Amino acid sequence: MSALLRSSRDVLCKGCKQLLVYTSRPNSNKAAICRINRFNYARTYPTMVVQPDGSTITIRYTEPRRIIKLPLDLDTLSEADRRKRLQRRKPKKKMVIEDEIEDDFDADRYSHLWKKK
């Protein structure tokens, strides 16, 4: 292990055992090549990213969101699937309700229910 280190500034990554070479002084602002070596970073939140094929990965994101869904490439879909997705994007037509119903309700038939005894 010490044969891998060329100078006092070279460091082995704990996660993947890759050699990290620093050109400046190692301090708290160093960059990690393979993984983040801190548990808590200021103002980042664990967020799940859903890729178009359905697979998910967990990342650290600057805004507090639970899920980020990446857009699907419409060029890779079949013609029938593409039409279905485009149809869902269009606004739905509003239904017109016709008020031509005969009303034969007589409130006097139920007046005994709300009169005091």
C-alpha atoms as a PDB file:
ATOM      1  CA  MET A   1       0.000   0.000   0.000  1.00  0.00           C
ATOM      2  CA  SER A   2       2.817   2.408   0.780  1.00  0.00           C
ATOM      3  CA  ALA A   3       4.392   1.545  -2.594  1.00  0.00           C
ATOM      4  CA  LEU A   4       1.353   3.063  -4.311  1.00  0.00           C
ATOM      5  CA  LEU A   5       1.762   6.414  -2.586  1.00  0.00           C
ATOM      6  CA  ARG A   6       4.261   8.567  -4.452  1.00  0.00           C
ATOM      7  CA  SER A   7       4.336  11.551  -2.115  1.00  0.00           C
ATOM      8  CA  SER A   8       2.836  12.717   1.166  1.00  0.00           C
ATOM      9  CA  ARG A   9       0.023  14.453  -0.758  1.00  0.00           C
ATOM     10  CA  ASP A  10      -1.199  11.272  -2.477  1.00  0.00           C
ATOM     11  CA  VAL A  11      -4.172   9.580  -0.776  1.00  0.00           C
ATOM     12  CA  LEU A  12      -6.015   6.290  -1.303  1.00  0.00           C
ATOM     13  CA  CYS A  13      -9.787   6.582  -1.545  1.00  0.00           C
ATOM     14  CA  LYS A  14     -11.540   4.592   1.205  1.00  0.00           C
ATOM     15  CA  GLY A  15     -14.404   3.405  -1.006  1.00  0.00           C
ATOM     16  CA  CYS A  16     -12.787   2.178  -4.201  1.00  0.00           C
ATOM     17  CA  LYS A  17      -9.057   2.124  -3.300  1.00  0.00           C
ATOM     18  CA  GLN A  18      -8.133   4.457  -6.171  1.00  0.00           C
ATOM     19  CA  LEU A  19      -5.149   6.725  -5.884  1.00  0.00           C
ATOM     20  CA  LEU A  20      -6.119  10.393  -5.527  1.00  0.00           C
ATOM     21  CA  VAL A  21      -3.387  12.889  -6.383  1.00  0.00           C
ATOM     22  CA  TYR A  22      -3.664  16.428  -5.028  1.00  0.00           C
ATOM     23  CA  THR A  23      -1.794  19.260  -6.705  1.00  0.00           C
ATOM     24  CA  SER A  24      -2.477  21.718  -3.898  1.00  0.00           C
ATOM     25  CA  ARG A  25      -2.581  21.500  -0.124  1.00  0.00           C
ATOM     26  CA  PRO A  26      -5.153  18.949   1.079  1.00  0.00           C
ATOM     27  CA  ASN A  27      -7.842  20.749   3.060  1.00  0.00           C
ATOM     28  CA  SER A  28     -11.583  20.602   3.678  1.00  0.00           C
ATOM     29  CA  ASN A  29     -12.332  21.900   0.155  1.00  0.00           C
ATOM     30  CA  LYS A  30     -10.767  18.956  -1.675  1.00  0.00           C
ATOM     31  CA  ALA A  31     -12.571  17.268  -4.551  1.00  0.00           C
ATOM     32  CA  ALA A  32     -13.331  13.554  -4.457  1.00  0.00           C
ATOM     33  CA  ILE A  33     -13.108  11.656  -7.714  1.00  0.00           C
ATOM     34  CA  CYS A  34     -15.028   8.504  -6.817  1.00  0.00           C
ATOM     35  CA  ARG A  35     -17.308   9.340  -3.889  1.00  0.00           C
ATOM     36  CA  ILE A  36     -18.050  12.065  -1.362  1.00  0.00           C
ATOM     37  CA  ASN A  37     -16.115  11.498   1.831  1.00  0.00           C
ATOM     38  CA  ARG A  38     -18.464  13.478   4.078  1.00  0.00           C
ATOM     39  CA  PHE A  39     -21.796  12.390   5.446  1.00  0.00           C
ATOM     40  CA  ASN A  40     -23.395  15.829   5.706  1.00  0.00           C
ATOM     41  CA  TYR A  41     -23.069  18.605   3.168  1.00  0.00           C
ATOM     42  CA  ALA A  42     -24.729  21.939   3.787  1.00  0.00           C
ATOM     43  CA  ARG A  43     -27.999  22.437   1.886  1.00  0.00           C
ATOM     44  CA  THR A  44     -28.221  19.112   0.035  1.00  0.00           C
ATOM     45  CA  TYR A  45     -31.069  16.614   0.297  1.00  0.00           C
ATOM     46  CA  PRO A  46     -31.289  12.936  -0.713  1.00  0.00           C
ATOM     47  CA  THR A  47     -33.424  12.745  -3.846  1.00  0.00           C
ATOM     48  CA  MET A  48     -34.496   9.808  -5.997  1.00  0.00           C
ATOM     49  CA  VAL A  49     -34.013  10.205  -9.760  1.00  0.00           C
ATOM     50  CA  VAL A  50     -36.257   8.040 -11.955  1.00  0.00           C
ATOM     51  CA  GLN A  51     -34.757   7.455 -15.375  1.00  0.00           C
ATOM     52  CA  PRO A  52     -36.927   6.924 -18.492  1.00  0.00           C
ATOM     53  CA  ASP A  53     -36.367   3.150 -18.415  1.00  0.00           C
ATOM     54  CA  GLY A  54     -37.734   2.960 -14.846  1.00  0.00           C
ATOM     55  CA  SER A  55     -34.440   2.509 -13.004  1.00  0.00           C
ATOM     56  CA  THR A  56     -33.794   4.715  -9.976  1.00  0.00           C
ATOM     57  CA  ILE A  57     -30.711   6.251  -8.392  1.00  0.00           C
ATOM     58  CA  THR A  58     -30.334   8.308  -5.244  1.00  0.00           C
ATOM     59  CA  ILE A  59     -28.462  11.610  -5.494  1.00  0.00           C
ATOM     60  CA  ARG A  60     -27.869  14.661  -3.321  1.00  0.00           C
ATOM     61  CA  TYR A  61     -29.847  17.626  -4.638  1.00  0.00           C
ATOM     62  CA  THR A  62     -29.853  21.260  -3.564  1.00  0.00           C
ATOM     63  CA  GLU A  63     -33.655  21.541  -3.267  1.00  0.00           C
ATOM     64  CA  PRO A  64     -35.801  19.406  -0.923  1.00  0.00           C
ATOM     65  CA  ARG A  65     -37.562  17.142  -3.428  1.00  0.00           C
ATOM     66  CA  ARG A  66     -38.436  13.491  -3.076  1.00  0.00           C
ATOM     67  CA  ILE A  67     -38.504  12.351  -6.715  1.00  0.00           C
ATOM     68  CA  ILE A  68     -37.196  13.806  -9.973  1.00  0.00           C
ATOM     69  CA  LYS A  69     -38.522  12.086 -13.090  1.00  0.00           C
ATOM     70  CA  LEU A  70     -36.410  12.463 -16.218  1.00  0.00           C
ATOM     71  CA  PRO A  71     -38.314  13.046 -19.485  1.00  0.00           C
ATOM     72  CA  LEU A  72     -38.884  10.221 -21.931  1.00  0.00           C
ATOM     73  CA  ASP A  73     -37.468  10.466 -25.449  1.00  0.00           C
ATOM     74  CA  LEU A  74     -40.473  10.249 -27.795  1.00  0.00           C
ATOM     75  CA  ASP A  75     -38.284   9.254 -30.747  1.00  0.00           C
ATOM     76  CA  THR A  76     -37.564   5.860 -29.182  1.00  0.00           C
ATOM     77  CA  LEU A  77     -41.255   4.940 -28.739  1.00  0.00           C
ATOM     78  CA  SER A  78     -43.454   3.080 -31.199  1.00  0.00           C
ATOM     79  CA  GLU A  79     -46.009   5.072 -33.171  1.00  0.00           C
ATOM     80  CA  ALA A  80     -48.963   3.839 -31.078  1.00  0.00           C
ATOM     81  CA  ASP A  81     -47.245   4.674 -27.763  1.00  0.00           C
ATOM     82  CA  ARG A  82     -46.218   8.090 -29.071  1.00  0.00           C
ATOM     83  CA  ARG A  83     -49.832   8.888 -30.049  1.00  0.00           C
ATOM     84  CA  LYS A  84     -51.104   7.823 -26.613  1.00  0.00           C
ATOM     85  CA  ARG A  85     -48.590  10.046 -24.784  1.00  0.00           C
ATOM     86  CA  LEU A  86     -49.265  13.048 -27.002  1.00  0.00           C
ATOM     87  CA  GLN A  87     -53.022  12.560 -26.550  1.00  0.00           C
ATOM     88  CA  ARG A  88     -52.582  12.642 -22.753  1.00  0.00           C
ATOM     89  CA  ARG A  89     -50.726  15.966 -23.013  1.00  0.00           C
ATOM     90  CA  LYS A  90     -53.544  17.702 -24.860  1.00  0.00           C
ATOM     91  CA  PRO A  91     -56.207  19.462 -22.788  1.00  0.00           C
ATOM     92  CA  LYS A  92     -59.359  17.446 -22.317  1.00  0.00           C
ATOM     93  CA  LYS A  93     -62.612  18.684 -23.781  1.00  0.00           C
ATOM     94  CA  LYS A  94     -65.071  20.101 -21.288  1.00  0.00           C
ATOM     95  CA  MET A  95     -68.396  18.335 -21.103  1.00  0.00           C
ATOM     96  CA  VAL A  96     -71.503  20.430 -21.610  1.00  0.00           C
ATOM     97  CA  ILE A  97     -74.227  19.607 -19.090  1.00  0.00           C
ATOM     98  CA  GLU A  98     -77.743  20.210 -20.243  1.00  0.00           C
ATOM     99  CA  ASP A  99     -80.247  21.292 -17.572  1.00  0.00           C
ATOM    100  CA  GLU A 100     -83.418  20.091 -19.264  1.00  0.00           C
ATOM    101  CA  ILE A 101     -84.471  17.670 -16.541  1.00  0.00           C
ATOM    102  CA  GLU A 102     -88.074  17.689 -15.371  1.00  0.00           C
ATOM    103  CA  ASP A 103     -88.318  18.695 -11.743  1.00  0.00           C
ATOM    104  CA  ASP A 104     -91.322  17.263  -9.935  1.00  0.00           C
ATOM    105  CA  PHE A 105     -89.961  17.681  -6.395  1.00  0.00           C
ATOM    106  CA  ASP A 106     -92.543  18.902  -3.884  1.00  0.00           C
ATOM    107  CA  ALA A 107     -91.038  20.285  -0.652  1.00  0.00           C
ATOM    108  CA  ASP A 108     -94.411  20.239   1.120  1.00  0.00           C
ATOM    109  CA  ARG A 109     -94.370  16.453   1.140  1.00  0.00           C
ATOM    110  CA  TYR A 110     -91.365  16.581   3.509  1.00  0.00           C
ATOM    111  CA  SER A 111     -92.425  19.548   5.634  1.00  0.00           C
ATOM    112  CA  HIS A 112     -93.343  17.287   8.541  1.00  0.00           C
ATOM    113  CA  LEU A 113     -89.638  16.436   8.972  1.00  0.00           C
ATOM    114  CA  TRP A 114     -88.509  19.975   9.844  1.00  0.00           C
ATOM    115  CA  LYS A 115     -91.554  21.179  11.801  1.00  0.00           C
ATOM    116  CA  LYS A 116     -91.206  21.239  15.571  1.00  0.00           C
ATOM    117  CA  LYS A 117     -93.521  18.958  17.469  1.00  0.00           C
END
